[in-house]
Amino acid sequence: MFGRVQEQSQSRKVRSGQVLGRRVLEAARAVADADVVLTMLPTAEAVTDVMVGQGTLHELRSGAVWAQMGTIGLEATESLASQVARERPDIAFVDAPVSGSRGPARNGGLLILASGPEHAEPILAPVFAALGQRTLWLGAAGAGTRMKLILNTWLAFEVEAVAEVSALATRLGVSYQALLEAVSGGTLASGVALTKLAKIEQGDDAGGVLGTGVDAEVDAKVGADVDSDIHIDTGVGVDTCASVGVDIDFEAIADVSESNYIKHRTNQKVKRTH
């Protein structure tokens, strides 16, 4: 296992290529005899640095499978797939981002969205079985990232809907218990929406009520102490949507969700005080 860490200066600017307890050259050495190599790094730049910039790609043994499991965007994924095909055609590149938050990751409940050469599927089967609950094979490399971006877009709108409904219910004086009873057992609300509404009713914010990556900051504003561990990777979807002529304002969705959530949490704290 090779770990890449980002060491920050006092100005909090990231210094790339610094590795905890190792020299960067050991990234290439770590994969020399591996049948399967997994990368799950936060950005396309980090993946490219480790696998290309440090020469790791060229140290992979012939016949190895590289499963790229981070959400790095379609353009970067297709660029890496093309580079592997051009420079190391003897290597199988598999695009395999995951769908799920930290909880499912800890419990082996992730959905793995795999795409790549067919011959890589049986090789990766035991690895993916250990990491996730289910694996979908979707076609050529890049299809997994496409599906991940679609699912994240869907989830972003679910999050925005929960925020809007929460704010409206608060303003109209409708209890969350009454709202849950009204939508439970029907087709109106999804499992995601029901789960988040139930957490609001129970005052349980563990894992992030809205799941947008803004919960920790929002809770700090209203004096709550929450360990937020869910983040929707909508950032990498903005350019992809624009490139295919789809105009989705993810920033506006996040702003609306955050604004409504702040109002709801503030109202809750006021009620508890009284």
Foldseek 3Di string as FASTA:
>chain_A
DADFDWDADPVRDTDGLDGPPDHLLVLLVVQLPPQEAEDADAELVNVCCNCPVSVNVVSHDFNHEYEYAYQHALVSQVVVVVVCCVPPVRYWYKYWYWDDWPVCQVVQAIEIEIETDPVCCVVCVVVNSNRHVYYDYDYHGSRSSVVLLVVLVVLLVLLLVLLVVLLVCVVVVHQLVVVLVVPPPHDPHDPLSSVLSVCVNVVNQEQHSSLAPCRCVLCVVQVHHYDHTHHRPNVSVCVVCVVVPHDDDSVVSVVSSSVSVSVSSNVVVVVVVD
